[in-house]
Amino acid sequence: MRDPKYIFVVGGVMSGVGKGVATASIGRILKARGFRVTSVKIDPYVNVDAGTMNPTEHGEVFVLDDGTECDQDLGNYERFLDRDLSNANYMTTGSIYLSVINRERSLGYGGACVEVVPHIPLEVIARINRAVKQDKAEMVTIEIGGTVGEYQNVLFLEAIRMLKIKHPKDVLLVLVSYLPLQNKDNELKTKPTQYAVRTLNSAGLQPDIVIARAPLRLDGKRKAKIAFNCGLEKEDIISAPDVSSIYEIPVNFEKEKISERILPKFGLKPRAKDLADFRRLVTRIRGSKKPVRIGIVGKYFGSGSFMLADSYISVIEAIKHAAYHFRREPVIEWINAEKLGDLSKYHGLIVPGGFGSRGVEGKIKAITYAREKKVPFLGLCYGMQLATIEYARHVAKLARANTTEVNSRTPHPVIDILPEQKEKLEKADYGGTMRLGACPAILSKGTIAYGAYQANKISERHRHRYEVNPEYIAKLEKKGLIFSGRSPDHRLMEIMELPRKIHPFFVGTQFHPELKSRPLSPHPLFREFIKAAIKK
């Protein structure tokens, strides 16, 4: 195989303007052009992974099949590339330093003096190459978190510089930079982008392409100004205006002919493929007018609506995928578990995953409402556990039933911690110690779950410590609750549901189905949930 091509994506001016979806979109475009593509995310924090971070501070923790707890951008990569990734596709400053230190301790450097430069950048390059090799990729897009002016990113910029020196024809640098709208005359200001390019220059780097993020489409004059002041051709300035759906981004990039700028720089020609599937998706999204109103009962409201959306981004996208499948406009509203309000306006209710006691009783009240009023309900992880508790309390008449996560002295611990997890908690061993990643489950025929998957055996991703207590399974089943998905050894309950004759759609999953939903192939359970909500 010829040498792989590296496309680094860095941010200028400010973070949170779409580096992740830009990286994912470039990957999707190159895949559509017929190349084998993989993606890598480099995060500048010293945490070894994202597993111990608060969702209100960092956003959702995305989990891969192999159990890697990582940044939510990996979710975008998987959704756009329509493929599963692994721990080879994710690194942090903490994990890089940990690897270098562990290697030094085991004499992996042969007694040499180990230094920040060059050994840290070399480890970054080695990890990127491992991902390329593992995925048999011809091209790799690498997103560097944060912005070019941050001290934390200096070593990653040095890795780009070193790789570019060794492989000058195989490395491209893409800068995603925001152009603020100055006044009512719709004047987009280019100076911050010029400054970001100057910062890159000071690190010995020159961008090959600038993706100009802005509220509006960039005009020719602004493109020419950026090109002139930043040493680029006008055609290398790609306009990236705000869009109503992130799935429009690859289509917009191709309107700007981004692949026609990337491939010649590598000395490559496109192959006989295009973005027809995403164009059809965008057409379907734009044609989805009739609303389906979904309420998400959550508690991660601490940092405002933006971080709330980030906390549940995979759930939001999974709802959208299923709604667009039926040509419906998803209207997603947040319901504070501590202040429920009127639930009658929703066509469906979701209780997503979470941890801790805050908001639990409010979530249980919402589940009671959904069950009694026959509102389509989907419980995810903690949502399934709370639905089991709700059923135990109000149908099986097990007063004060609870999870030991909330009440260790409950008389009916219908949800309890895995025995192997108790020892880890006693040692305060929290990072990467939950039941993580893909696990198989066996489905019972004739159930809602089996009808959705049309399969006897499935594999889904987990991130939890607590499970349905086996001591209560028979009591709950006797009262009508169905455990339609179980681990192959029948020890762990994976899916609970009510019969369709009792409720149109009342389903809870111990796993996180939202992590495997894709825009071109909605997750089966979300698809059936939205179908029931539409009927509602």
Protein backbone atom coordinates (compact mmCIF):
# COMPACT_ATOMS: atom_id res chain seq x y z
CA MET A 1 0.00 0.00 0.00
CA ARG A 2 1.21 3.53 -0.78
CA ASP A 3 2.06 5.86 2.09
CA PRO A 4 -1.06 7.01 3.95
CA LYS A 5 -2.29 10.59 3.66
CA TYR A 6 -2.69 12.64 6.83
CA ILE A 7 -5.21 15.48 7.15
CA PHE A 8 -4.89 17.40 10.41
CA VAL A 9 -7.78 19.62 11.50
CA VAL A 10 -7.06 22.39 14.00
CA GLY A 11 -9.17 25.22 15.38
CA GLY A 12 -8.52 28.93 15.40
CA VAL A 13 -10.05 31.87 17.32
CA MET A 14 -12.45 29.85 19.48
CA SER A 15 -13.52 26.31 20.24
CA GLY A 16 -16.95 24.79 19.79
CA VAL A 17 -17.46 25.95 16.19
CA GLY A 18 -17.51 22.55 14.53
CA LYS A 19 -14.04 21.02 14.19
CA GLY A 20 -15.49 17.62 14.99
CA VAL A 21 -18.23 17.66 12.35
CA ALA A 22 -15.80 19.27 9.87
CA THR A 23 -13.36 16.41 10.46
CA ALA A 24 -16.17 13.86 10.16
CA SER A 25 -17.48 15.52 7.00
CA ILE A 26 -14.07 15.53 5.30
CA GLY A 27 -13.75 11.85 6.17
CA ARG A 28 -17.18 11.10 4.73
CA ILE A 29 -16.40 12.99 1.51
CA LEU A 30 -13.13 11.14 1.00
CA LYS A 31 -14.87 7.83 1.69
CA ALA A 32 -17.48 8.78 -0.92
CA ARG A 33 -14.60 9.46 -3.32
CA GLY A 34 -13.58 5.82 -2.93
CA PHE A 35 -10.79 5.94 -0.33
CA ARG A 36 -10.47 3.90 2.86
CA VAL A 37 -10.66 6.48 5.65
CA THR A 38 -10.26 6.48 9.40
CA SER A 39 -10.35 9.31 11.94
CA VAL A 40 -8.41 10.12 15.11
CA LYS A 41 -9.21 12.56 17.92
CA ILE A 42 -6.47 14.12 20.06
CA ASP A 43 -7.71 15.79 23.24
CA PRO A 44 -5.40 18.16 25.15
CA TYR A 45 -6.53 17.33 28.69
CA VAL A 46 -4.41 15.29 31.08
CA ASN A 47 -7.24 12.88 31.90
CA VAL A 48 -6.30 9.46 30.55
CA ASP A 49 -9.78 9.20 29.02
CA ALA A 50 -13.17 10.92 29.28
CA GLY A 51 -14.67 8.39 31.69
CA THR A 52 -14.38 10.42 34.91
CA MET A 53 -15.57 13.74 33.46
CA ASN A 54 -18.83 15.41 34.40
CA PRO A 55 -21.18 15.61 31.36
CA THR A 56 -22.12 19.20 32.23
CA GLU A 57 -18.46 20.21 31.97
CA HIS A 58 -17.23 18.17 29.04
CA GLY A 59 -20.34 16.83 27.32
CA GLU A 60 -21.32 13.25 26.65
CA VAL A 61 -18.92 10.40 27.26
CA PHE A 62 -19.05 8.30 24.10
CA VAL A 63 -18.29 4.58 24.45
CA LEU A 64 -16.78 2.41 21.71
CA ASP A 65 -17.25 -1.32 21.16
CA ASP A 66 -13.97 -2.08 22.93
CA GLY A 67 -15.08 -0.13 26.02
CA THR A 68 -13.05 3.03 25.39
CA GLU A 69 -14.64 6.03 27.10
CA CYS A 70 -13.91 8.94 24.82
CA ASP A 71 -14.88 12.34 23.48
CA GLN A 72 -18.26 12.83 21.79
CA ASP A 73 -16.52 13.66 18.50
CA LEU A 74 -15.81 9.93 18.10
CA GLY A 75 -19.58 9.57 17.87
CA ASN A 76 -19.67 11.98 14.95
CA TYR A 77 -16.84 10.11 13.24
CA GLU A 78 -18.73 6.82 13.55
CA ARG A 79 -22.01 8.33 12.41
CA PHE A 80 -20.50 10.02 9.35
CA LEU A 81 -18.09 7.25 8.35
CA ASP A 82 -20.74 4.61 9.16
CA ARG A 83 -18.19 2.35 10.83
CA ASP A 84 -17.02 1.32 14.30
CA LEU A 85 -13.82 2.77 15.75
CA SER A 86 -11.55 1.63 18.60
CA ASN A 87 -9.18 2.96 21.24
CA ALA A 88 -6.57 3.36 18.48
CA ASN A 89 -8.66 6.29 17.22
CA TYR A 90 -8.50 8.30 20.43
CA MET A 91 -5.75 9.79 22.56
CA THR A 92 -5.33 12.42 25.26
CA THR A 93 -2.34 14.25 26.65
CA GLY A 94 -2.68 12.08 29.75
CA SER A 95 -2.69 8.81 27.83
CA ILE A 96 0.28 9.89 25.71
CA TYR A 97 2.41 10.86 28.70
CA LEU A 98 1.35 7.68 30.52
CA SER A 99 2.53 5.54 27.59
CA VAL A 100 5.86 7.34 27.36
CA ILE A 101 6.47 7.11 31.10
CA ASN A 102 5.52 3.42 31.24
CA ARG A 103 7.81 2.71 28.30
CA GLU A 104 10.67 4.56 29.98
CA ARG A 105 10.12 2.64 33.24
CA SER A 106 10.41 -0.67 31.36
CA LEU A 107 13.61 0.46 29.58
CA GLY A 108 11.74 0.79 26.31
CA TYR A 109 14.02 3.67 25.33
CA GLY A 110 17.17 1.68 26.04
CA GLY A 111 18.37 3.95 28.81
CA ALA A 112 18.22 7.14 26.72
CA CYS A 113 17.30 10.51 28.19
CA VAL A 114 13.56 10.80 27.55
CA GLU A 115 12.44 14.35 26.78
CA VAL A 116 9.18 16.14 26.05
CA VAL A 117 10.53 16.92 22.58
CA PRO A 118 10.92 14.77 20.57
CA HIS A 119 9.46 11.80 22.46
CA ILE A 120 5.93 13.10 23.11
CA PRO A 121 5.33 14.20 19.46
CA LEU A 122 6.87 10.92 18.26
CA GLU A 123 4.41 8.99 20.44
CA VAL A 124 1.55 11.01 18.91
CA ILE A 125 2.74 10.12 15.40
CA ALA A 126 3.19 6.45 16.36
CA ARG A 127 -0.39 6.29 17.68
CA ILE A 128 -1.79 7.86 14.52
CA ASN A 129 0.09 5.29 12.45
CA ARG A 130 -1.26 2.47 14.62
CA ALA A 131 -4.79 3.61 13.83
CA VAL A 132 -3.96 3.76 10.12
CA LYS A 133 -2.49 0.27 10.18
CA GLN A 134 -5.28 -1.23 12.26
CA ASP A 135 -7.99 0.23 10.02
CA LYS A 136 -6.04 -0.43 6.80
CA ALA A 137 -6.69 3.23 5.94
CA GLU A 138 -5.41 5.11 2.92
CA MET A 139 -6.31 8.42 4.55
CA VAL A 140 -6.67 9.57 8.13
CA THR A 141 -8.29 12.74 9.43
CA ILE A 142 -6.88 13.87 12.78
CA GLU A 143 -8.70 16.43 14.88
CA ILE A 144 -6.76 18.32 17.54
CA GLY A 145 -9.01 19.58 20.31
CA GLY A 146 -9.05 23.20 21.42
CA THR A 147 -7.44 26.00 19.44
CA VAL A 148 -4.00 26.69 17.96
CA GLY A 149 -3.22 29.43 20.48
CA GLU A 150 -3.52 27.20 23.53
CA TYR A 151 -0.38 26.14 25.36
CA GLN A 152 -1.71 22.57 25.68
CA ASN A 153 -1.58 22.10 21.90
CA VAL A 154 2.06 23.08 21.28
CA LEU A 155 3.29 19.47 21.30
CA PHE A 156 0.56 18.35 18.90
CA LEU A 157 1.49 21.14 16.48
CA GLU A 158 5.08 19.97 16.80
CA ALA A 159 3.96 16.45 15.85
CA ILE A 160 2.38 17.86 12.68
CA ARG A 161 5.56 19.78 11.88
CA MET A 162 7.75 16.73 12.37
CA LEU A 163 5.50 14.52 10.26
CA LYS A 164 5.31 17.14 7.52
CA ILE A 165 9.10 17.38 7.34
CA LYS A 166 9.38 13.62 6.89
CA HIS A 167 6.38 13.27 4.54
CA PRO A 168 5.91 16.69 2.87
CA LYS A 169 3.61 15.36 0.12
CA ASP A 170 1.45 13.29 2.47
CA VAL A 171 0.36 15.85 5.10
CA LEU A 172 -2.33 18.52 4.83
CA LEU A 173 -3.33 21.03 7.50
CA VAL A 174 -6.90 22.33 7.68
CA LEU A 175 -7.75 25.31 9.89
CA VAL A 176 -11.35 25.72 11.05
CA SER A 177 -11.71 29.36 12.01
CA TYR A 178 -14.70 31.46 13.01
CA LEU A 179 -15.57 34.77 11.31
CA PRO A 180 -17.65 36.93 13.65
CA LEU A 181 -20.50 39.02 12.27
CA GLN A 182 -19.63 42.60 13.17
CA ASN A 183 -22.80 44.55 12.51
CA LYS A 184 -26.18 44.78 10.76
CA ASP A 185 -24.43 45.22 7.40
CA ASN A 186 -23.50 41.52 7.53
CA GLU A 187 -19.79 42.23 7.50
CA LEU A 188 -17.84 39.11 8.41
CA LYS A 189 -14.54 40.04 10.02
CA THR A 190 -11.43 38.18 8.83
CA LYS A 191 -8.81 39.54 11.25
CA PRO A 192 -9.27 36.77 13.89
CA THR A 193 -8.67 34.17 11.18
CA GLN A 194 -5.57 36.02 9.99
CA TYR A 195 -4.30 36.01 13.57
CA ALA A 196 -4.96 32.25 13.90
CA VAL A 197 -2.92 31.62 10.73
CA ARG A 198 -0.12 33.81 12.08
CA THR A 199 -0.15 31.71 15.27
CA LEU A 200 0.22 28.56 13.18
CA ASN A 201 3.08 30.21 11.28
CA SER A 202 4.85 30.85 14.57
CA ALA A 203 4.77 27.09 15.21
CA GLY A 204 6.37 26.45 11.83
CA LEU A 205 3.11 25.50 10.11
CA GLN A 206 1.09 26.88 7.21
CA PRO A 207 -2.52 25.77 6.65
CA ASP A 208 -3.35 24.28 3.27
CA ILE A 209 -7.08 24.90 3.58
CA VAL A 210 -9.11 27.29 5.74
CA ILE A 211 -12.68 26.35 6.60
CA ALA A 212 -14.37 29.66 7.32
CA ARG A 213 -17.13 29.12 9.88
CA ALA A 214 -19.65 31.94 10.04
CA PRO A 215 -23.37 32.64 10.48
CA LEU A 216 -23.52 33.45 6.74
CA ARG A 217 -22.03 32.11 3.54
CA LEU A 218 -18.68 33.74 2.80
CA ASP A 219 -18.58 36.04 -0.21
CA GLY A 220 -15.79 36.21 -2.80
CA LYS A 221 -14.33 39.40 -1.37
CA ARG A 222 -13.86 37.88 2.08
CA LYS A 223 -12.36 34.71 0.58
CA ALA A 224 -9.89 36.76 -1.43
CA LYS A 225 -8.95 38.80 1.64
CA ILE A 226 -8.23 35.70 3.75
CA ALA A 227 -6.30 34.08 0.90
CA PHE A 228 -4.16 37.18 0.29
CA ASN A 229 -3.32 37.76 3.93
CA CYS A 230 -2.75 34.10 4.78
CA GLY A 231 -0.73 32.95 1.78
CA LEU A 232 -3.40 30.72 0.22
CA GLU A 233 -5.29 30.48 -3.03
CA LYS A 234 -8.84 31.80 -2.98
CA GLU A 235 -10.19 28.32 -3.82
CA ASP A 236 -8.61 26.98 -0.61
CA ILE A 237 -10.99 29.08 1.50
CA ILE A 238 -14.06 26.92 2.15
CA SER A 239 -17.24 28.65 3.29
CA ALA A 240 -19.03 26.87 6.16
CA PRO A 241 -22.20 28.79 7.08
CA ASP A 242 -24.60 27.76 9.85
CA VAL A 243 -26.86 24.86 8.87
CA SER A 244 -30.07 23.43 10.29
CA SER A 245 -28.67 19.89 10.26
CA ILE A 246 -25.05 18.75 10.63
CA TYR A 247 -25.68 16.22 7.86
CA GLU A 248 -25.78 19.09 5.37
CA ILE A 249 -22.11 19.87 6.05
CA PRO A 250 -20.53 17.28 3.71
CA VAL A 251 -22.91 18.37 0.94
CA ASN A 252 -22.02 22.03 1.52
CA PHE A 253 -18.29 21.26 1.56
CA GLU A 254 -18.59 19.52 -1.78
CA LYS A 255 -20.48 22.49 -3.19
CA GLU A 256 -17.33 24.40 -2.27
CA LYS A 257 -15.33 21.64 -4.07
CA ILE A 258 -13.26 20.73 -1.04
CA SER A 259 -12.34 17.28 -2.36
CA GLU A 260 -11.16 18.91 -5.60
CA ARG A 261 -8.74 20.95 -3.45
CA ILE A 262 -7.61 18.08 -1.19
CA LEU A 263 -6.98 15.28 -3.68
CA PRO A 264 -4.70 17.18 -6.12
CA LYS A 265 -2.56 18.34 -3.20
CA PHE A 266 -1.91 14.64 -2.55
CA GLY A 267 -1.42 13.91 -6.23
CA LEU A 268 -4.58 11.79 -6.28
CA LYS A 269 -7.63 11.57 -8.49
CA PRO A 270 -11.15 10.85 -7.24
CA ARG A 271 -12.64 7.43 -7.80
CA ALA A 272 -16.09 6.76 -9.25
CA LYS A 273 -18.23 7.48 -6.20
CA ASP A 274 -20.11 10.47 -4.82
CA LEU A 275 -22.25 11.69 -1.90
CA ALA A 276 -25.58 10.44 -3.30
CA ASP A 277 -26.64 8.81 -0.01
CA PHE A 278 -26.03 12.00 2.00
CA ARG A 279 -27.71 14.14 -0.64
CA ARG A 280 -30.80 11.94 -0.35
CA LEU A 281 -30.59 12.21 3.44
CA VAL A 282 -30.47 16.01 3.29
CA THR A 283 -33.45 16.03 0.92
CA ARG A 284 -35.38 13.83 3.34
CA ILE A 285 -34.45 16.05 6.29
CA ARG A 286 -35.57 19.19 4.49
CA GLY A 287 -38.83 17.49 3.56
CA SER A 288 -39.57 16.46 7.15
CA LYS A 289 -42.18 19.01 8.21
CA LYS A 290 -44.81 17.29 10.37
CA PRO A 291 -43.54 17.32 13.98
CA VAL A 292 -43.14 14.48 16.45
CA ARG A 293 -42.64 15.90 19.94
CA ILE A 294 -40.26 14.01 22.22
CA GLY A 295 -39.54 14.91 25.84
CA ILE A 296 -36.21 13.96 27.43
CA VAL A 297 -36.41 13.78 31.21
CA GLY A 298 -32.91 14.65 32.44
CA LYS A 299 -30.93 16.41 35.10
CA TYR A 300 -27.79 17.76 33.42
CA PHE A 301 -29.03 21.36 33.39
CA GLY A 302 -26.14 22.87 35.35
CA SER A 303 -24.46 24.75 32.50
CA GLY A 304 -27.35 25.94 30.38
CA SER A 305 -29.02 24.56 27.27
CA PHE A 306 -25.83 24.27 25.18
CA MET A 307 -24.09 21.89 27.56
CA LEU A 308 -27.37 20.05 28.14
CA ALA A 309 -27.50 19.24 24.44
CA ASP A 310 -23.85 18.14 24.57
CA SER A 311 -24.62 15.89 27.55
CA TYR A 312 -27.16 13.91 25.52
CA ILE A 313 -25.86 14.40 21.99
CA SER A 314 -26.06 10.73 20.93
CA VAL A 315 -29.63 10.46 22.22
CA ILE A 316 -30.56 13.61 20.29
CA GLU A 317 -28.99 12.34 17.08
CA ALA A 318 -30.62 8.90 17.44
CA ILE A 319 -34.03 10.58 17.77
CA LYS A 320 -33.31 12.65 14.67
CA HIS A 321 -32.17 9.62 12.65
CA ALA A 322 -35.42 7.77 13.43
CA ALA A 323 -37.65 10.80 12.91
CA TYR A 324 -36.08 11.61 9.53
CA HIS A 325 -36.56 7.95 8.55
CA PHE A 326 -40.32 8.58 8.81
CA ARG A 327 -40.01 12.06 7.29
CA ARG A 328 -40.98 13.73 10.57
CA GLU A 329 -39.49 16.82 12.15
CA PRO A 330 -38.11 15.92 15.60
CA VAL A 331 -39.14 18.49 18.20
CA ILE A 332 -37.01 17.66 21.22
CA GLU A 333 -37.71 19.35 24.53
CA TRP A 334 -35.87 19.12 27.84
CA ILE A 335 -37.85 18.18 30.93
CA ASN A 336 -36.16 18.96 34.23
CA ALA A 337 -36.60 15.86 36.37
CA GLU A 338 -36.89 18.10 39.44
CA LYS A 339 -39.67 20.24 37.87
CA LEU A 340 -41.67 17.99 35.56
CA GLY A 341 -44.53 20.28 34.53
CA ASP A 342 -47.15 19.22 31.96
CA LEU A 343 -46.28 15.97 30.17
CA SER A 344 -49.44 15.69 28.09
CA LYS A 345 -48.02 17.55 25.06
CA TYR A 346 -45.40 14.90 24.27
CA HIS A 347 -45.82 12.09 21.76
CA GLY A 348 -43.06 10.11 23.48
CA LEU A 349 -40.87 10.27 26.59
CA ILE A 350 -37.24 9.21 27.08
CA VAL A 351 -35.39 8.82 30.36
CA PRO A 352 -31.68 8.66 29.43
CA GLY A 353 -28.66 7.39 31.32
CA GLY A 354 -27.13 9.07 34.33
CA PHE A 355 -25.71 8.59 37.79
CA GLY A 356 -26.62 9.55 41.36
CA SER A 357 -29.78 10.36 43.29
CA ARG A 358 -30.63 13.85 42.06
CA GLY A 359 -33.85 13.95 40.05
CA VAL A 360 -34.57 10.23 40.50
CA GLU A 361 -38.06 10.59 42.00
CA GLY A 362 -39.04 13.04 39.27
CA LYS A 363 -37.91 10.57 36.62
CA ILE A 364 -39.95 7.82 38.27
CA LYS A 365 -43.03 10.07 38.24
CA ALA A 366 -42.52 10.67 34.53
CA ILE A 367 -42.24 6.91 33.96
CA THR A 368 -45.46 6.33 35.91
CA TYR A 369 -47.18 8.89 33.70
CA ALA A 370 -45.90 7.22 30.53
CA ARG A 371 -46.98 3.78 31.70
CA GLU A 372 -50.43 4.75 32.92
CA LYS A 373 -51.24 7.15 30.07
CA LYS A 374 -49.80 4.75 27.47
CA VAL A 375 -47.33 7.31 26.16
CA PRO A 376 -44.48 5.63 24.22
CA PHE A 377 -41.52 5.33 26.58
CA LEU A 378 -37.85 4.46 26.10
CA GLY A 379 -35.57 4.09 29.12
CA LEU A 380 -31.83 4.05 28.53
CA CYS A 381 -29.50 2.43 31.09
CA TYR A 382 -30.44 4.28 34.29
CA GLY A 383 -33.79 4.91 32.59
CA MET A 384 -34.39 1.15 32.37
CA GLN A 385 -33.36 0.68 36.00
CA LEU A 386 -35.77 3.40 37.15
CA ALA A 387 -38.57 1.91 35.02
CA THR A 388 -37.97 -1.42 36.76
CA ILE A 389 -38.14 0.32 40.15
CA GLU A 390 -41.33 2.14 39.14
CA TYR A 391 -42.97 -1.13 38.11
CA ALA A 392 -41.81 -2.87 41.29
CA ARG A 393 -43.28 -0.12 43.46
CA HIS A 394 -46.60 0.49 41.74
CA VAL A 395 -47.51 -2.81 40.09
CA ALA A 396 -45.62 -5.50 42.02
CA LYS A 397 -46.42 -3.59 45.25
CA LEU A 398 -42.88 -3.78 46.57
CA ALA A 399 -43.05 -0.65 48.70
CA ARG A 400 -39.90 1.49 48.80
CA ALA A 401 -38.22 -0.58 46.09
CA ASN A 402 -35.11 1.21 44.93
CA THR A 403 -31.58 0.98 43.61
CA THR A 404 -28.77 0.62 46.11
CA GLU A 405 -27.04 3.42 44.22
CA VAL A 406 -29.63 5.75 45.78
CA ASN A 407 -30.59 3.90 48.97
CA SER A 408 -28.25 1.21 50.25
CA ARG A 409 -30.81 0.23 52.92
CA THR A 410 -33.84 -0.20 50.68
CA PRO A 411 -35.96 -3.22 51.73
CA HIS A 412 -36.30 -4.17 48.06
CA PRO A 413 -33.03 -3.62 46.14
CA VAL A 414 -34.45 -4.47 42.73
CA ILE A 415 -31.40 -2.75 41.23
CA ASP A 416 -28.07 -3.63 42.81
CA ILE A 417 -24.40 -3.31 42.00
CA LEU A 418 -22.49 -6.09 40.28
CA PRO A 419 -20.50 -8.04 42.89
CA GLU A 420 -17.23 -7.49 41.00
CA GLN A 421 -17.89 -3.74 41.03
CA LYS A 422 -18.26 -3.49 44.81
CA GLU A 423 -14.58 -4.19 45.37
CA LYS A 424 -13.59 -1.50 42.84
CA LEU A 425 -15.80 1.12 44.50
CA GLU A 426 -14.36 0.26 47.91
CA LYS A 427 -10.92 1.06 46.47
CA ALA A 428 -12.20 4.31 44.87
CA ASP A 429 -11.29 2.77 41.50
CA TYR A 430 -13.59 4.72 39.20
CA GLY A 431 -11.80 5.25 35.88
CA GLY A 432 -12.55 2.65 33.21
CA THR A 433 -13.96 0.18 35.74
CA MET A 434 -17.63 -0.08 34.79
CA ARG A 435 -19.21 -2.67 32.54
CA LEU A 436 -18.02 -1.07 29.34
CA GLY A 437 -18.32 -1.66 25.62
CA ALA A 438 -20.06 -4.19 23.42
CA CYS A 439 -21.76 -7.18 25.03
CA PRO A 440 -24.05 -9.78 23.43
CA ALA A 441 -27.69 -10.32 24.34
CA ILE A 442 -30.23 -12.99 23.45
CA LEU A 443 -33.76 -11.82 22.54
CA SER A 444 -37.05 -13.60 23.17
CA LYS A 445 -39.24 -14.19 20.13
CA GLY A 446 -42.62 -12.49 20.02
CA THR A 447 -41.44 -9.42 21.92
CA ILE A 448 -41.18 -5.78 20.86
CA ALA A 449 -37.39 -6.05 21.03
CA TYR A 450 -37.28 -9.10 18.77
CA GLY A 451 -39.64 -7.45 16.31
CA ALA A 452 -37.44 -4.35 16.18
CA TYR A 453 -34.14 -6.15 15.65
CA GLN A 454 -35.47 -9.10 13.65
CA ALA A 455 -32.68 -11.12 15.22
CA ASN A 456 -32.16 -13.61 18.01
CA LYS A 457 -28.73 -12.32 19.08
CA ILE A 458 -27.56 -8.70 19.24
CA SER A 459 -24.51 -6.75 20.43
CA GLU A 460 -24.84 -3.38 22.19
CA ARG A 461 -22.62 -0.98 24.12
CA HIS A 462 -22.73 -0.61 27.90
CA ARG A 463 -21.56 1.87 30.52
CA HIS A 464 -22.86 1.07 33.99
CA ARG A 465 -22.23 -0.69 37.30
CA TYR A 466 -25.71 -1.59 38.50
CA GLU A 467 -28.01 -4.34 37.23
CA VAL A 468 -31.48 -5.80 37.80
CA ASN A 469 -31.23 -7.92 40.95
CA PRO A 470 -31.76 -11.59 39.97
CA GLU A 471 -33.65 -12.18 43.23
CA TYR A 472 -36.57 -10.06 41.97
CA ILE A 473 -36.85 -11.20 38.37
CA ALA A 474 -39.44 -13.91 39.01
CA LYS A 475 -41.60 -11.55 41.14
CA LEU A 476 -41.57 -8.86 38.46
CA GLU A 477 -42.30 -11.33 35.66
CA LYS A 478 -45.23 -12.74 37.62
CA LYS A 479 -46.70 -9.23 37.64
CA GLY A 480 -46.40 -8.89 33.86
CA LEU A 481 -42.99 -7.34 33.25
CA ILE A 482 -41.09 -8.98 30.38
CA PHE A 483 -37.32 -9.26 30.26
CA SER A 484 -37.03 -9.68 26.51
CA GLY A 485 -33.24 -9.42 26.30
CA ARG A 486 -30.76 -11.26 28.50
CA SER A 487 -27.05 -11.98 28.56
CA PRO A 488 -26.16 -15.34 26.99
CA ASP A 489 -25.80 -16.90 30.47
CA HIS A 490 -29.23 -15.43 31.45
CA ARG A 491 -27.59 -13.74 34.45
CA LEU A 492 -28.03 -10.13 33.34
CA MET A 493 -31.23 -8.45 32.16
CA GLU A 494 -30.57 -6.38 29.03
CA ILE A 495 -34.06 -5.29 27.90
CA MET A 496 -37.33 -4.95 29.81
CA GLU A 497 -40.71 -4.21 28.23
CA LEU A 498 -44.46 -4.42 28.63
CA PRO A 499 -46.55 -6.50 26.22
CA ARG A 500 -47.88 -4.53 23.28
CA LYS A 501 -51.45 -5.49 24.26
CA ILE A 502 -50.92 -3.55 27.51
CA HIS A 503 -48.84 -0.64 26.21
CA PRO A 504 -48.00 0.52 22.66
CA PHE A 505 -44.28 0.90 23.45
CA PHE A 506 -42.80 0.69 26.94
CA VAL A 507 -39.18 -0.46 26.63
CA GLY A 508 -36.02 -0.06 28.69
CA THR A 509 -32.47 -1.08 27.80
CA GLN A 510 -29.57 -1.68 30.14
CA PHE A 511 -27.27 -0.71 27.27
CA HIS A 512 -27.03 2.51 25.27
CA PRO A 513 -28.62 1.94 21.84
CA GLU A 514 -28.09 5.60 20.92
CA LEU A 515 -24.35 4.92 20.56
CA LYS A 516 -24.89 2.71 17.52
CA SER A 517 -27.48 4.75 15.65
CA ARG A 518 -26.43 6.16 12.27
CA PRO A 519 -28.10 8.79 10.05
CA LEU A 520 -28.43 6.31 7.17
CA SER A 521 -29.50 3.42 9.44
CA PRO A 522 -31.48 4.48 12.53
CA HIS A 523 -31.24 2.21 15.55
CA PRO A 524 -34.08 -0.37 15.55
CA LEU A 525 -35.36 0.53 19.02
CA PHE A 526 -35.35 4.28 18.34
CA ARG A 527 -37.08 3.60 15.01
CA GLU A 528 -39.85 1.61 16.73
CA PHE A 529 -40.12 4.19 19.51
CA ILE A 530 -40.60 7.03 17.03
CA LYS A 531 -43.07 4.92 15.01
CA ALA A 532 -45.14 4.47 18.19
CA ALA A 533 -44.83 8.18 19.02
CA ILE A 534 -46.10 9.08 15.55
CA LYS A 535 -49.16 6.86 16.10
CA LYS A 536 -49.68 8.55 19.48
